[in-house]
Amino acid sequence: MSYATIADLNNRITQTELMRLTDEDDDGIVIIETVQAALDAAGLEIDSYLAGNYTMPISNPILITLAVDIAIWNLYALDTSGAPDGRRERYQTAIKTLERISTDRKVLGQLSAGASFVTAGRIFNRGNMEGL
């Protein structure tokens, strides 16, 4: 599942930077397929952290931010010059956040699994306690 759109990504990265990361032929255009592949890979990474605890698909605004940070990191993975420190820090923070979510130290919403108790009914009630 893709948690973020290209429009979400465009809010956090300049077109010049995006073009530099995706335009292998130096045509001066952003390769949308490369951007979408980075977003899809980010979605798969997020799913790998959440699938054990949440009913999928899940929608939460924080996941958009995490997906964008991971997708930008994925785009920089294609660049031989490497990612700037700020991008690396955002990616590392995104992964730490996903780890916290996956270990229930941070909760996004309704968990898919949880404790519930079922009993056979009351053993003691007013009717069977009368006269005691």
Protein backbone atom coordinates (compact mmCIF):
# COMPACT_ATOMS: atom_id res chain seq x y z
CA MET A 1 0.00 0.00 0.00
CA SER A 2 1.25 3.45 -0.83
CA TYR A 3 0.73 5.74 2.17
CA ALA A 4 1.77 8.94 0.42
CA THR A 5 1.19 10.44 -2.99
CA ILE A 6 3.52 12.26 -5.32
CA ALA A 7 1.78 15.48 -4.24
CA ASP A 8 2.68 14.69 -0.61
CA LEU A 9 6.27 14.14 -1.66
CA ASN A 10 6.31 17.39 -3.66
CA ASN A 11 5.53 19.27 -0.44
CA ARG A 12 8.82 18.11 1.06
CA ILE A 13 11.31 18.13 -1.79
CA THR A 14 12.04 20.62 -4.54
CA GLN A 15 11.42 19.76 -8.17
CA THR A 16 15.09 20.46 -8.88
CA GLU A 17 16.18 17.94 -6.28
CA LEU A 18 13.60 15.42 -7.47
CA MET A 19 14.76 15.85 -11.05
CA ARG A 20 18.39 15.34 -10.03
CA LEU A 21 17.46 12.12 -8.24
CA THR A 22 15.28 10.61 -10.97
CA ASP A 23 16.44 11.95 -14.34
CA GLU A 24 19.05 9.39 -15.40
CA ASP A 25 19.20 10.66 -18.99
CA ASP A 26 19.56 14.36 -18.07
CA ASP A 27 16.41 15.23 -20.02
CA GLY A 28 15.38 17.81 -17.43
CA ILE A 29 12.27 15.93 -16.31
CA VAL A 30 11.16 14.11 -13.19
CA ILE A 31 10.64 10.41 -13.85
CA ILE A 32 7.26 9.79 -12.21
CA GLU A 33 7.65 6.00 -12.34
CA THR A 34 10.84 6.22 -10.25
CA VAL A 35 9.12 8.46 -7.72
CA GLN A 36 6.13 6.11 -7.51
CA ALA A 37 8.43 3.11 -7.08
CA ALA A 38 10.13 4.88 -4.15
CA LEU A 39 6.72 5.60 -2.59
CA ASP A 40 5.59 2.00 -3.11
CA ALA A 41 8.80 0.68 -1.53
CA ALA A 42 8.24 3.02 1.43
CA GLY A 43 4.72 1.60 1.79
CA LEU A 44 6.05 -1.95 1.83
CA GLU A 45 8.58 -1.01 4.48
CA ILE A 46 5.88 0.58 6.63
CA ASP A 47 3.65 -2.49 6.17
CA SER A 48 6.48 -4.73 7.37
CA TYR A 49 6.45 -2.87 10.70
CA LEU A 50 2.67 -2.55 11.11
CA ALA A 51 1.15 -5.76 9.73
CA GLY A 52 1.67 -7.74 12.93
CA ASN A 53 -0.24 -5.33 15.14
CA TYR A 54 -2.72 -3.50 12.95
CA THR A 55 -5.55 -4.43 10.64
CA MET A 56 -4.35 -3.40 7.22
CA PRO A 57 -4.77 -1.13 5.40
CA ILE A 58 -4.49 1.58 8.02
CA SER A 59 -4.80 5.30 7.47
CA ASN A 60 -3.09 7.79 9.75
CA PRO A 61 -1.58 11.20 8.96
CA ILE A 62 1.74 10.29 10.56
CA LEU A 63 2.15 7.50 8.03
CA ILE A 64 2.13 10.04 5.20
CA THR A 65 5.08 11.86 6.77
CA LEU A 66 6.94 8.62 7.42
CA ALA A 67 6.29 7.38 3.89
CA VAL A 68 7.58 10.60 2.35
CA ASP A 69 10.76 10.54 4.46
CA ILE A 70 11.40 6.91 3.56
CA ALA A 71 10.61 7.49 -0.13
CA ILE A 72 13.02 10.41 -0.32
CA TRP A 73 15.65 8.21 1.32
CA ASN A 74 14.90 5.53 -1.28
CA LEU A 75 15.44 8.07 -4.05
CA TYR A 76 18.77 9.10 -2.54
CA ALA A 77 19.77 5.43 -2.48
CA LEU A 78 19.82 5.68 -6.30
CA ASP A 79 22.18 8.68 -6.14
CA THR A 80 25.89 7.87 -6.00
CA SER A 81 26.71 11.12 -4.18
CA GLY A 82 24.72 10.02 -1.13
CA ALA A 83 22.05 11.67 0.95
CA PRO A 84 22.51 14.92 2.88
CA ASP A 85 22.64 14.54 6.66
CA GLY A 86 19.18 16.06 7.12
CA ARG A 87 17.62 13.44 4.84
CA ARG A 88 19.51 10.66 6.65
CA GLU A 89 18.27 11.93 10.02
CA ARG A 90 14.66 12.10 8.80
CA TYR A 91 14.90 8.53 7.51
CA GLN A 92 16.41 7.28 10.77
CA THR A 93 13.70 9.08 12.75
CA ALA A 94 11.03 7.50 10.54
CA ILE A 95 12.44 4.02 11.17
CA LYS A 96 12.68 4.64 14.93
CA THR A 97 9.05 5.80 14.91
CA LEU A 98 7.98 2.65 13.05
CA GLU A 99 9.90 0.53 15.56
CA ARG A 100 8.09 2.29 18.42
CA ILE A 101 4.75 1.72 16.71
CA SER A 102 5.54 -1.94 16.04
CA THR A 103 6.41 -2.56 19.70
CA ASP A 104 3.29 -0.73 20.95
CA ARG A 105 5.27 2.12 22.51
CA LYS A 106 3.36 4.39 20.13
CA VAL A 107 -0.15 3.54 18.94
CA LEU A 108 -1.76 4.69 15.70
CA GLY A 109 -5.29 3.57 16.29
CA GLN A 110 -7.15 0.32 16.69
CA LEU A 111 -4.87 -2.67 17.17
CA SER A 112 -5.86 -5.83 15.35
CA ALA A 113 -5.03 -8.07 18.28
CA GLY A 114 -5.68 -7.40 21.90
CA ALA A 115 -6.77 -8.94 25.14
CA SER A 116 -10.40 -9.83 25.60
CA PHE A 117 -12.02 -11.90 28.27
CA VAL A 118 -14.96 -14.25 27.86
CA THR A 119 -16.65 -15.97 30.80
CA ALA A 120 -19.27 -18.66 31.11
CA GLY A 121 -21.44 -16.27 33.09
CA ARG A 122 -21.85 -15.35 36.72
CA ILE A 123 -21.28 -18.04 39.28
CA PHE A 124 -22.74 -16.05 42.13
CA ASN A 125 -25.90 -13.96 41.71
CA ARG A 126 -28.85 -12.84 43.83
CA GLY A 127 -30.90 -15.93 42.97
CA ASN A 128 -28.40 -18.59 44.01
CA MET A 129 -27.14 -16.63 47.01
CA GLU A 130 -30.58 -16.26 48.63
CA GLY A 131 -30.76 -17.78 52.06
CA LEU A 132 -27.03 -18.00 52.63
